[in-house]
N, C-alpha and C. Protein backbone atom coordinates (compact mmCIF):
# COMPACT_ATOMS: atom_id res chain seq x y z
N UNK A 1 -3.99 -76.09 205.83
CA UNK A 1 -4.08 -76.78 206.94
C UNK A 1 -3.93 -76.04 208.45
N UNK A 2 -4.03 -76.23 209.19
CA UNK A 2 -4.03 -75.67 210.40
C UNK A 2 -2.64 -76.01 210.86
N UNK A 3 -1.78 -75.06 211.73
CA UNK A 3 -0.59 -75.08 212.40
C UNK A 3 -0.55 -75.85 213.26
N UNK A 4 0.68 -77.02 213.65
CA UNK A 4 0.39 -78.00 214.82
C UNK A 4 0.72 -77.09 215.87
N UNK A 5 1.02 -77.74 216.90
CA UNK A 5 1.28 -77.08 218.28
C UNK A 5 2.80 -76.61 218.63
N UNK A 6 3.82 -77.09 217.66
CA UNK A 6 4.84 -77.14 217.61
C UNK A 6 5.25 -75.68 217.18
N UNK A 7 4.41 -75.41 215.76
CA UNK A 7 4.49 -74.35 214.76
C UNK A 7 3.86 -73.16 215.64
N UNK A 8 2.62 -73.44 215.91
CA UNK A 8 2.26 -72.72 217.16
C UNK A 8 3.17 -72.03 218.23
N UNK A 9 3.99 -73.03 218.79
CA UNK A 9 4.55 -72.21 219.76
C UNK A 9 5.96 -71.51 219.23
N UNK A 10 6.41 -71.95 218.04
CA UNK A 10 7.36 -71.17 217.37
C UNK A 10 6.70 -69.55 217.02
N UNK A 11 5.64 -69.66 216.47
CA UNK A 11 4.93 -68.09 215.90
C UNK A 11 4.90 -67.59 217.11
N UNK A 12 4.33 -67.85 218.47
CA UNK A 12 4.17 -67.05 220.17
C UNK A 12 5.37 -66.92 220.41
N UNK A 13 6.69 -67.43 220.11
CA UNK A 13 7.57 -67.22 220.57
C UNK A 13 8.40 -65.86 219.54
N UNK A 14 8.33 -66.05 218.42
CA UNK A 14 8.44 -64.88 217.53
C UNK A 14 7.72 -63.73 217.85
N UNK A 15 6.49 -63.70 217.92
CA UNK A 15 5.43 -62.61 218.08
C UNK A 15 6.40 -62.00 219.22
N UNK A 16 6.67 -63.08 220.54
CA UNK A 16 6.89 -62.28 221.85
C UNK A 16 7.99 -61.87 221.75
N UNK A 17 9.30 -62.09 220.95
CA UNK A 17 10.36 -61.15 220.81
C UNK A 17 10.14 -60.22 219.82
N UNK A 18 9.10 -59.81 219.20
CA UNK A 18 9.03 -58.50 218.21
C UNK A 18 8.31 -57.30 219.16
N UNK A 19 7.20 -58.01 220.32
CA UNK A 19 6.59 -57.02 221.04
C UNK A 19 7.59 -56.36 222.26
N UNK A 20 7.03 -55.21 222.46
CA UNK A 20 8.21 -54.49 223.59
C UNK A 20 8.39 -55.29 224.80
N UNK A 21 9.42 -54.86 225.22
CA UNK A 21 9.87 -55.60 226.75
C UNK A 21 9.40 -54.60 227.68
N UNK A 22 9.64 -55.05 229.09
CA UNK A 22 9.76 -54.08 230.27
C UNK A 22 8.02 -53.21 230.12
N UNK A 23 7.02 -53.93 230.04
CA UNK A 23 5.98 -53.12 229.80
C UNK A 23 4.70 -54.33 230.31
N UNK A 24 3.68 -53.72 230.48
CA UNK A 24 2.27 -54.24 230.52
C UNK A 24 1.67 -54.46 229.65
N UNK A 25 1.36 -55.44 228.89
CA UNK A 25 0.97 -55.95 227.52
C UNK A 25 -0.61 -55.78 227.66
N UNK A 26 -1.12 -55.26 227.28
CA UNK A 26 -2.85 -55.07 227.40
C UNK A 26 -3.32 -55.65 226.13
N UNK A 27 -3.91 -57.04 226.05
CA UNK A 27 -4.31 -57.55 225.23
C UNK A 27 -6.18 -56.93 224.84
N UNK A 28 -6.55 -56.52 223.50
CA UNK A 28 -7.56 -55.57 223.28
C UNK A 28 -8.35 -57.15 222.16
N UNK A 29 -9.24 -57.65 222.35
CA UNK A 29 -9.80 -58.45 221.36
C UNK A 29 -11.33 -58.36 221.40
N UNK A 30 -12.06 -58.67 220.34
CA UNK A 30 -13.40 -58.50 220.20
C UNK A 30 -14.06 -58.66 218.72
N UNK A 31 -15.15 -58.29 218.27
CA UNK A 31 -15.59 -58.23 217.12
C UNK A 31 -16.62 -57.30 217.07
N UNK A 32 -17.05 -57.62 215.85
CA UNK A 32 -18.60 -56.35 215.72
C UNK A 32 -19.70 -56.56 216.13
N UNK A 33 -19.78 -58.20 216.72
CA UNK A 33 -21.13 -58.72 217.28
C UNK A 33 -22.13 -57.63 218.33
N UNK A 34 -21.35 -57.15 219.12
CA UNK A 34 -21.78 -56.62 220.42
C UNK A 34 -21.20 -55.70 220.42
N UNK A 35 -20.56 -54.90 219.41
CA UNK A 35 -19.73 -53.63 219.41
C UNK A 35 -20.41 -52.38 219.85
N UNK A 36 -20.11 -51.88 221.07
CA UNK A 36 -20.52 -50.62 221.33
C UNK A 36 -19.59 -49.43 221.55
N UNK A 37 -19.64 -48.66 220.20
CA UNK A 37 -17.96 -47.52 220.11
C UNK A 37 -18.01 -46.66 221.43
N UNK A 38 -19.18 -46.14 221.99
CA UNK A 38 -18.88 -45.15 222.97
C UNK A 38 -18.15 -45.70 224.09
N UNK A 39 -18.74 -47.09 224.52
CA UNK A 39 -18.08 -47.66 225.60
C UNK A 39 -16.76 -48.06 225.37
N UNK A 40 -16.29 -48.74 224.04
CA UNK A 40 -14.90 -48.98 223.84
C UNK A 40 -13.86 -47.44 223.86
N UNK A 41 -14.74 -46.44 223.26
CA UNK A 41 -14.02 -45.33 223.11
C UNK A 41 -13.31 -44.34 224.63
N UNK A 42 -14.23 -44.86 225.44
CA UNK A 42 -14.24 -44.43 226.96
C UNK A 42 -13.29 -45.30 228.00
N UNK A 43 -13.11 -46.65 227.73
CA UNK A 43 -12.23 -47.66 228.36
C UNK A 43 -10.88 -47.14 227.84
N UNK A 44 -10.79 -46.86 226.26
CA UNK A 44 -9.50 -46.61 225.85
C UNK A 44 -8.92 -45.42 226.72
N UNK A 45 -9.74 -44.45 226.81
CA UNK A 45 -9.49 -42.91 227.27
C UNK A 45 -9.09 -43.27 228.58
N UNK A 46 -9.65 -44.06 229.31
CA UNK A 46 -9.51 -44.23 230.83
C UNK A 46 -8.05 -45.23 230.97
N UNK A 47 -8.07 -46.07 229.85
CA UNK A 47 -6.28 -46.66 229.96
C UNK A 47 -5.77 -45.80 229.93
N UNK A 48 -5.47 -44.82 228.83
CA UNK A 48 -4.74 -43.85 228.18
C UNK A 48 -4.29 -42.52 229.53
N UNK A 49 -5.47 -42.74 230.16
CA UNK A 49 -5.39 -41.35 231.47
C UNK A 49 -4.40 -42.09 232.55
N UNK A 50 -4.53 -43.10 232.74
CA UNK A 50 -3.89 -43.71 233.77
C UNK A 50 -2.37 -43.55 234.15
N UNK A 51 -1.74 -43.24 235.12
CA UNK A 51 -0.59 -43.40 235.32
C UNK A 51 -0.09 -44.68 236.05
N UNK A 52 1.25 -45.44 235.30
CA UNK A 52 1.38 -46.94 235.45
C UNK A 52 2.79 -46.70 235.80
N UNK A 53 3.39 -47.64 236.73
CA UNK A 53 4.68 -48.01 237.13
C UNK A 53 5.57 -48.32 235.75
N UNK A 54 4.76 -49.04 235.03
CA UNK A 54 5.69 -49.73 233.88
C UNK A 54 4.82 -49.02 232.35
N UNK A 55 5.36 -48.78 231.10
CA UNK A 55 4.62 -48.28 229.80
C UNK A 55 3.81 -49.47 229.69
N UNK A 56 2.50 -49.09 229.04
CA UNK A 56 1.47 -50.05 228.49
C UNK A 56 1.90 -50.20 226.97
N UNK A 57 1.68 -51.46 226.64
CA UNK A 57 1.62 -51.73 224.93
C UNK A 57 0.20 -52.70 224.83
N UNK A 58 -0.64 -51.62 224.06
CA UNK A 58 -1.70 -52.58 223.67
C UNK A 58 -1.46 -53.19 222.33
N UNK A 59 -1.95 -54.20 222.52
CA UNK A 59 -1.53 -55.53 221.54
C UNK A 59 -3.12 -56.02 221.20
N UNK A 60 -3.51 -56.13 220.06
CA UNK A 60 -4.91 -56.06 219.33
C UNK A 60 -4.88 -57.37 218.29
N UNK A 61 -6.07 -57.76 218.14
CA UNK A 61 -5.98 -58.92 217.16
C UNK A 61 -6.20 -58.09 215.84
N UNK A 62 -5.96 -56.90 215.55
CA UNK A 62 -5.91 -56.17 214.29
C UNK A 62 -7.20 -56.25 213.42
N UNK A 63 -8.63 -56.82 214.12
CA UNK A 63 -9.58 -56.61 213.30
C UNK A 63 -10.62 -55.61 213.58
N UNK A 64 -11.28 -55.61 212.84
CA UNK A 64 -12.32 -54.09 213.03
C UNK A 64 -13.44 -54.54 214.36
N UNK A 65 -14.03 -53.48 214.51
CA UNK A 65 -14.78 -53.33 215.93
C UNK A 65 -14.04 -52.90 216.78
N UNK A 66 -13.96 -53.73 218.25
CA UNK A 66 -13.35 -53.36 219.30
C UNK A 66 -12.16 -53.11 218.85
N UNK A 67 -11.30 -54.29 218.57
CA UNK A 67 -9.95 -53.81 218.63
C UNK A 67 -9.41 -52.34 217.74
N UNK A 68 -9.82 -52.33 216.43
CA UNK A 68 -9.80 -50.84 215.74
C UNK A 68 -9.98 -49.78 216.57
N UNK A 69 -10.78 -49.46 217.06
CA UNK A 69 -11.64 -48.72 217.88
C UNK A 69 -10.89 -48.33 218.87
N UNK A 70 -10.45 -49.48 219.97
CA UNK A 70 -9.85 -49.00 221.28
C UNK A 70 -8.54 -48.54 220.66
N UNK A 71 -7.90 -49.28 219.74
CA UNK A 71 -6.63 -48.58 219.12
C UNK A 71 -6.75 -47.05 218.73
N UNK A 72 -7.40 -47.00 218.32
CA UNK A 72 -7.63 -45.25 217.46
C UNK A 72 -7.97 -44.65 218.72
N UNK A 73 -8.92 -44.97 219.69
CA UNK A 73 -9.33 -43.70 220.92
C UNK A 73 -7.55 -43.63 221.82
N UNK A 74 -7.23 -44.90 221.91
CA UNK A 74 -6.34 -44.97 223.01
C UNK A 74 -4.95 -43.92 222.32
N UNK A 75 -4.79 -44.35 220.85
CA UNK A 75 -3.55 -43.28 220.59
C UNK A 75 -3.89 -42.10 220.27
N UNK A 76 -5.02 -41.81 220.14
CA UNK A 76 -5.74 -40.24 220.08
C UNK A 76 -5.25 -39.62 221.57
N UNK A 77 -6.03 -40.58 222.53
CA UNK A 77 -5.78 -39.99 223.95
C UNK A 77 -4.48 -39.68 224.59
N UNK A 78 -3.51 -40.40 224.00
CA UNK A 78 -2.13 -40.30 224.51
C UNK A 78 -1.35 -39.33 223.48
N UNK A 79 -1.76 -39.17 222.46
CA UNK A 79 -1.44 -37.89 221.60
C UNK A 79 -1.85 -36.62 222.10
N UNK A 80 -2.91 -36.53 222.80
CA UNK A 80 -3.29 -35.21 223.24
C UNK A 80 -2.47 -34.63 224.52
N UNK A 81 -1.93 -35.78 225.22
CA UNK A 81 -0.88 -35.61 226.58
C UNK A 81 0.47 -35.60 225.88
N UNK A 82 0.53 -35.41 224.73
CA UNK A 82 2.08 -35.31 224.00
C UNK A 82 2.88 -36.60 224.49
N UNK A 83 2.15 -37.49 224.45
CA UNK A 83 2.78 -39.12 224.62
C UNK A 83 2.68 -39.58 223.34
N UNK A 84 3.73 -40.76 223.04
CA UNK A 84 3.72 -41.82 221.73
C UNK A 84 2.81 -42.81 222.46
N UNK A 85 2.10 -43.56 221.55
CA UNK A 85 1.36 -44.77 222.05
C UNK A 85 2.08 -46.11 221.52
N UNK A 86 2.12 -46.99 221.94
CA UNK A 86 2.69 -48.44 221.96
C UNK A 86 1.50 -49.33 221.60
N UNK A 87 1.07 -49.38 220.29
CA UNK A 87 0.06 -50.14 219.74
C UNK A 87 0.37 -51.19 218.80
N UNK A 88 0.33 -52.75 218.93
CA UNK A 88 0.69 -53.51 218.00
C UNK A 88 -0.70 -54.44 217.54
N UNK A 89 -0.74 -54.70 216.43
CA UNK A 89 -1.58 -55.50 215.86
C UNK A 89 -1.19 -56.97 215.20
N UNK A 90 -1.95 -58.02 215.85
CA UNK A 90 -1.03 -59.46 215.43
C UNK A 90 -2.26 -59.63 214.34
N UNK A 91 -1.88 -60.17 212.86
CA UNK A 91 -2.64 -60.26 211.94
C UNK A 91 -1.99 -61.71 211.17
N UNK A 92 -2.66 -62.53 210.69
CA UNK A 92 -2.16 -63.55 210.05
C UNK A 92 -1.49 -63.28 208.60
N UNK A 93 -0.41 -64.06 208.46
CA UNK A 93 -0.01 -63.66 206.89
C UNK A 93 -0.94 -63.57 205.66
N UNK A 94 -2.22 -64.48 205.65
CA UNK A 94 -2.96 -64.18 204.67
C UNK A 94 -3.69 -62.74 204.30
N UNK A 95 -3.03 -61.87 205.36
CA UNK A 95 -4.02 -60.41 205.60
C UNK A 95 -2.89 -59.66 204.94
N UNK A 96 -1.88 -60.44 204.75
CA UNK A 96 -0.97 -58.89 204.00
C UNK A 96 -1.38 -58.33 202.85
N UNK A 97 -1.05 -57.21 202.48
CA UNK A 97 -1.51 -56.62 201.67
C UNK A 97 -2.77 -55.36 201.70
N UNK A 98 -3.51 -56.02 202.77
CA UNK A 98 -4.95 -55.47 203.36
C UNK A 98 -4.20 -53.85 204.16
N UNK A 99 -5.41 -53.17 203.84
CA UNK A 99 -5.03 -51.85 204.71
C UNK A 99 -4.28 -51.84 206.31
N UNK A 100 -3.31 -51.50 206.43
CA UNK A 100 -2.81 -51.71 207.99
C UNK A 100 -3.49 -50.21 208.96
N UNK A 101 -3.42 -50.33 210.14
CA UNK A 101 -4.02 -49.30 210.78
C UNK A 101 -2.83 -48.13 210.91
N UNK A 102 -3.42 -47.29 211.13
CA UNK A 102 -2.77 -45.84 211.13
C UNK A 102 -2.08 -45.52 212.62
N UNK A 103 -2.77 -46.66 213.59
CA UNK A 103 -1.94 -46.35 214.73
C UNK A 103 -1.31 -47.59 215.27
N UNK A 104 -0.31 -47.98 215.37
CA UNK A 104 0.76 -49.07 215.61
C UNK A 104 1.40 -49.54 214.53
N UNK A 105 1.95 -50.83 215.05
CA UNK A 105 2.69 -51.68 214.21
C UNK A 105 2.10 -53.16 213.94
N UNK A 106 2.06 -53.23 212.81
CA UNK A 106 1.18 -54.76 212.66
C UNK A 106 2.22 -55.49 212.32
N UNK A 107 2.17 -56.84 213.22
CA UNK A 107 3.00 -58.12 213.33
C UNK A 107 2.00 -58.98 211.98
N UNK A 108 2.89 -60.16 211.58
CA UNK A 108 2.19 -61.09 211.05
C UNK A 108 2.75 -62.38 211.44
N UNK A 109 1.51 -63.07 212.04
CA UNK A 109 2.02 -64.77 212.57
C UNK A 109 0.76 -65.31 212.46
N UNK A 110 0.95 -66.72 211.97
CA UNK A 110 0.07 -67.75 211.47
C UNK A 110 -0.12 -67.28 210.29
N UNK A 111 -0.56 -68.54 209.68
CA UNK A 111 -0.91 -68.22 208.18
C UNK A 111 -2.34 -67.45 207.85
N UNK A 112 -2.99 -68.04 208.66
CA UNK A 112 -4.55 -67.69 208.25
C UNK A 112 -5.40 -67.22 209.83
N UNK A 113 -6.62 -66.71 209.94
CA UNK A 113 -7.02 -66.22 210.90
C UNK A 113 -7.20 -67.30 212.16
N UNK A 114 -7.46 -68.71 211.49
CA UNK A 114 -7.78 -69.94 212.70
C UNK A 114 -6.40 -70.18 213.41
N UNK A 115 -5.11 -70.03 212.45
CA UNK A 115 -3.93 -70.01 212.92
C UNK A 115 -3.72 -69.23 214.39
N UNK A 116 -3.52 -68.06 213.64
CA UNK A 116 -3.92 -66.60 214.56
C UNK A 116 -4.36 -66.69 215.87
N UNK A 117 -5.65 -67.23 215.88
CA UNK A 117 -6.67 -67.55 216.98
C UNK A 117 -6.04 -68.53 218.01
N UNK A 118 -5.37 -69.42 217.27
CA UNK A 118 -4.76 -70.54 218.09
C UNK A 118 -3.96 -70.25 218.97
């Protein structure tokens, strides 16, 4: 059964508490239906090359396609500059045990993908 509004708000508050503070959180969502790897990689490199007043934390939905490729390209571009990337992937609990990203920290919120999307 899908989470109710109160449960969803609790999941959001818990995820918010786990993500870094005092930074700009850049959400990267997408899928594989209209995925352009070259464009995704270029956007990630542009974000990584920027100079910002506050650190940037990239938060993805943890899925393949746009989020995965953006996170990988962003992390690689920052490492080339000698910087440590701040990348976070939010997946539902029913994905525990699946391979995690090599770039970033995986958080688990919501029981299913439908919950996580809510």
